Amino acid sequence: MPRVNKKIVGLMKNDGSGELKTEFVGLRSKMHRVRVNGEDKMKKCKGVKYGVVQRTIQCDDYKRCLDENSGASRAQRTIVSRAHRVYTIQQCKLALIRLMTSGI
């Protein structure tokens, strides 16, 4: 795929560096998985730390959540500061959930 639009403002660009995207699973905004040429290229999950997404969320979890309308929660640790005191807290976040749409 030619990269002629790479530095031209306002035109469509190829964000896959010319590689063919073979599968896309989008659950909601900023919560998706992209497979390029048969291998997993990108997993995104807003609100959940990058390391937690890469280590604990498998690519089949996205598809299972979409097909079965099930969610997946994951635990993550975070360093927070309250009133000039530093704490380490563990949060249980709802990592994957499908966007519910009305039956139009």
C-alpha atoms as a PDB file:
ATOM      1  CA  MET A   1       0.000   0.000   0.000  1.00  0.00           C
ATOM      2  CA  PRO A   2       1.489   3.361  -0.954  1.00  0.00           C
ATOM      3  CA  ARG A   3       2.356   5.777   1.813  1.00  0.00           C
ATOM      4  CA  VAL A   4       1.863   8.981  -0.184  1.00  0.00           C
ATOM      5  CA  ASN A   5      -0.523  10.519   2.384  1.00  0.00           C
ATOM      6  CA  LYS A   6       1.884  10.050   5.284  1.00  0.00           C
ATOM      7  CA  LYS A   7       2.771  13.700   5.843  1.00  0.00           C
ATOM      8  CA  ILE A   8      -0.251  15.419   4.317  1.00  0.00           C
ATOM      9  CA  VAL A   9      -2.636  16.928   6.872  1.00  0.00           C
ATOM     10  CA  GLY A  10      -6.297  15.949   6.543  1.00  0.00           C
ATOM     11  CA  LEU A  11      -5.831  12.830   4.394  1.00  0.00           C
ATOM     12  CA  MET A  12      -6.311   9.201   5.423  1.00  0.00           C
ATOM     13  CA  LYS A  13      -3.200   7.404   6.645  1.00  0.00           C
ATOM     14  CA  ASN A  14      -2.415   3.729   7.026  1.00  0.00           C
ATOM     15  CA  ASP A  15      -1.780   3.141  10.729  1.00  0.00           C
ATOM     16  CA  GLY A  16      -0.810  -0.504  10.154  1.00  0.00           C
ATOM     17  CA  SER A  17       2.423   0.302   8.256  1.00  0.00           C
ATOM     18  CA  GLY A  18       1.048  -1.358   5.141  1.00  0.00           C
ATOM     19  CA  GLU A  19       0.184  -4.648   6.858  1.00  0.00           C
ATOM     20  CA  LEU A  20      -3.208  -6.266   6.347  1.00  0.00           C
ATOM     21  CA  LYS A  21      -5.583  -6.246   9.315  1.00  0.00           C
ATOM     22  CA  THR A  22      -7.255  -9.641   9.394  1.00  0.00           C
ATOM     23  CA  GLU A  23      -9.505  -9.307  12.444  1.00  0.00           C
ATOM     24  CA  PHE A  24     -10.923  -6.518  14.600  1.00  0.00           C
ATOM     25  CA  VAL A  25     -13.004  -6.945  17.756  1.00  0.00           C
ATOM     26  CA  GLY A  26     -14.415  -3.696  19.143  1.00  0.00           C
ATOM     27  CA  LEU A  27     -16.389  -3.844  22.375  1.00  0.00           C
ATOM     28  CA  ARG A  28     -16.773  -0.118  23.038  1.00  0.00           C
ATOM     29  CA  SER A  29     -14.857   3.088  22.647  1.00  0.00           C
ATOM     30  CA  LYS A  30     -11.138   2.580  23.399  1.00  0.00           C
ATOM     31  CA  MET A  31     -11.689  -1.126  24.122  1.00  0.00           C
ATOM     32  CA  HIS A  32     -10.609  -3.206  21.130  1.00  0.00           C
ATOM     33  CA  ARG A  33      -8.252  -5.837  19.761  1.00  0.00           C
ATOM     34  CA  VAL A  34      -6.593  -5.912  16.320  1.00  0.00           C
ATOM     35  CA  ARG A  35      -5.046  -8.950  14.646  1.00  0.00           C
ATOM     36  CA  VAL A  36      -2.613  -8.316  11.769  1.00  0.00           C
ATOM     37  CA  ASN A  37      -1.554 -11.146   9.431  1.00  0.00           C
ATOM     38  CA  GLY A  38      -2.750 -13.772  11.923  1.00  0.00           C
ATOM     39  CA  GLU A  39      -0.864 -12.435  14.964  1.00  0.00           C
ATOM     40  CA  ASP A  40      -2.178 -10.129  17.667  1.00  0.00           C
ATOM     41  CA  LYS A  41      -0.870  -6.621  17.189  1.00  0.00           C
ATOM     42  CA  MET A  42      -2.815  -4.369  19.539  1.00  0.00           C
ATOM     43  CA  LYS A  43      -4.947  -4.792  22.668  1.00  0.00           C
ATOM     44  CA  LYS A  44      -6.500  -1.704  24.239  1.00  0.00           C
ATOM     45  CA  CYS A  45      -8.635  -1.397  27.328  1.00  0.00           C
ATOM     46  CA  LYS A  46      -9.304   2.068  28.731  1.00  0.00           C
ATOM     47  CA  GLY A  47      -8.947   2.451  32.494  1.00  0.00           C
ATOM     48  CA  VAL A  48      -6.885  -0.697  32.992  1.00  0.00           C
ATOM     49  CA  LYS A  49      -3.115  -0.528  33.256  1.00  0.00           C
ATOM     50  CA  TYR A  50      -1.110  -1.530  30.199  1.00  0.00           C
ATOM     51  CA  GLY A  51       0.748  -4.336  31.984  1.00  0.00           C
ATOM     52  CA  VAL A  52      -2.467  -5.869  33.281  1.00  0.00           C
ATOM     53  CA  VAL A  53      -3.956  -5.885  29.779  1.00  0.00           C
ATOM     54  CA  GLN A  54      -0.846  -7.446  28.226  1.00  0.00           C
ATOM     55  CA  ARG A  55      -0.334 -10.117  30.916  1.00  0.00           C
ATOM     56  CA  THR A  56      -3.807 -11.184  31.994  1.00  0.00           C
ATOM     57  CA  ILE A  57      -6.268 -10.463  29.188  1.00  0.00           C
ATOM     58  CA  GLN A  58      -6.104 -13.003  26.393  1.00  0.00           C
ATOM     59  CA  CYS A  59      -7.228 -12.245  22.866  1.00  0.00           C
ATOM     60  CA  ASP A  60     -10.005 -14.817  23.075  1.00  0.00           C
ATOM     61  CA  ASP A  61     -11.471 -12.880  26.036  1.00  0.00           C
ATOM     62  CA  TYR A  62     -12.465 -10.036  23.695  1.00  0.00           C
ATOM     63  CA  LYS A  63     -14.296 -12.397  21.355  1.00  0.00           C
ATOM     64  CA  ARG A  64     -15.935 -14.303  24.236  1.00  0.00           C
ATOM     65  CA  CYS A  65     -17.166 -11.042  25.730  1.00  0.00           C
ATOM     66  CA  LEU A  66     -18.660 -10.023  22.384  1.00  0.00           C
ATOM     67  CA  ASP A  67     -20.316 -13.376  21.639  1.00  0.00           C
ATOM     68  CA  GLU A  68     -21.571 -14.346  25.102  1.00  0.00           C
ATOM     69  CA  ASN A  69     -22.250 -10.828  26.458  1.00  0.00           C
ATOM     70  CA  SER A  70     -20.070 -11.583  29.481  1.00  0.00           C
ATOM     71  CA  GLY A  71     -17.641  -9.313  31.286  1.00  0.00           C
ATOM     72  CA  ALA A  72     -14.165  -9.808  32.683  1.00  0.00           C
ATOM     73  CA  SER A  73     -12.726  -8.105  35.746  1.00  0.00           C
ATOM     74  CA  ARG A  74      -9.044  -7.866  36.620  1.00  0.00           C
ATOM     75  CA  ALA A  75      -7.123  -6.745  39.708  1.00  0.00           C
ATOM     76  CA  GLN A  76      -4.471  -4.036  39.471  1.00  0.00           C
ATOM     77  CA  ARG A  77      -2.251  -2.262  41.973  1.00  0.00           C
ATOM     78  CA  THR A  78      -1.812   1.504  41.956  1.00  0.00           C
ATOM     79  CA  ILE A  79       0.211   4.034  43.943  1.00  0.00           C
ATOM     80  CA  VAL A  80      -1.945   6.964  45.084  1.00  0.00           C
ATOM     81  CA  SER A  81      -1.323  10.043  47.207  1.00  0.00           C
ATOM     82  CA  ARG A  82      -3.925  11.445  49.580  1.00  0.00           C
ATOM     83  CA  ALA A  83      -3.200  14.330  51.912  1.00  0.00           C
ATOM     84  CA  HIS A  84       0.553  14.032  51.259  1.00  0.00           C
ATOM     85  CA  ARG A  85       0.587  10.354  52.196  1.00  0.00           C
ATOM     86  CA  VAL A  86       1.487   7.690  49.672  1.00  0.00           C
ATOM     87  CA  TYR A  87      -0.499   4.468  49.571  1.00  0.00           C
ATOM     88  CA  THR A  88      -0.538   1.342  47.462  1.00  0.00           C
ATOM     89  CA  ILE A  89      -4.054   0.180  46.701  1.00  0.00           C
ATOM     90  CA  GLN A  90      -5.438  -2.804  44.857  1.00  0.00           C
ATOM     91  CA  GLN A  91      -8.423  -2.196  42.595  1.00  0.00           C
ATOM     92  CA  CYS A  92     -10.701  -4.714  40.957  1.00  0.00           C
ATOM     93  CA  LYS A  93     -11.618  -3.165  37.613  1.00  0.00           C
ATOM     94  CA  LEU A  94     -14.220  -4.296  35.113  1.00  0.00           C
ATOM     95  CA  ALA A  95     -11.786  -4.715  32.238  1.00  0.00           C
ATOM     96  CA  LEU A  96     -13.969  -6.001  29.408  1.00  0.00           C
ATOM     97  CA  ILE A  97     -17.636  -5.245  28.915  1.00  0.00           C
ATOM     98  CA  ARG A  98     -19.711  -5.057  25.770  1.00  0.00           C
ATOM     99  CA  LEU A  99     -21.535  -1.897  24.780  1.00  0.00           C
ATOM    100  CA  MET A 100     -25.248  -2.524  25.077  1.00  0.00           C
ATOM    101  CA  THR A 101     -27.193  -1.217  22.094  1.00  0.00           C
ATOM    102  CA  SER A 102     -30.908  -0.865  21.678  1.00  0.00           C
ATOM    103  CA  GLY A 103     -32.684  -3.163  19.239  1.00  0.00           C
ATOM    104  CA  ILE A 104     -33.086  -0.782  16.323  1.00  0.00           C
END
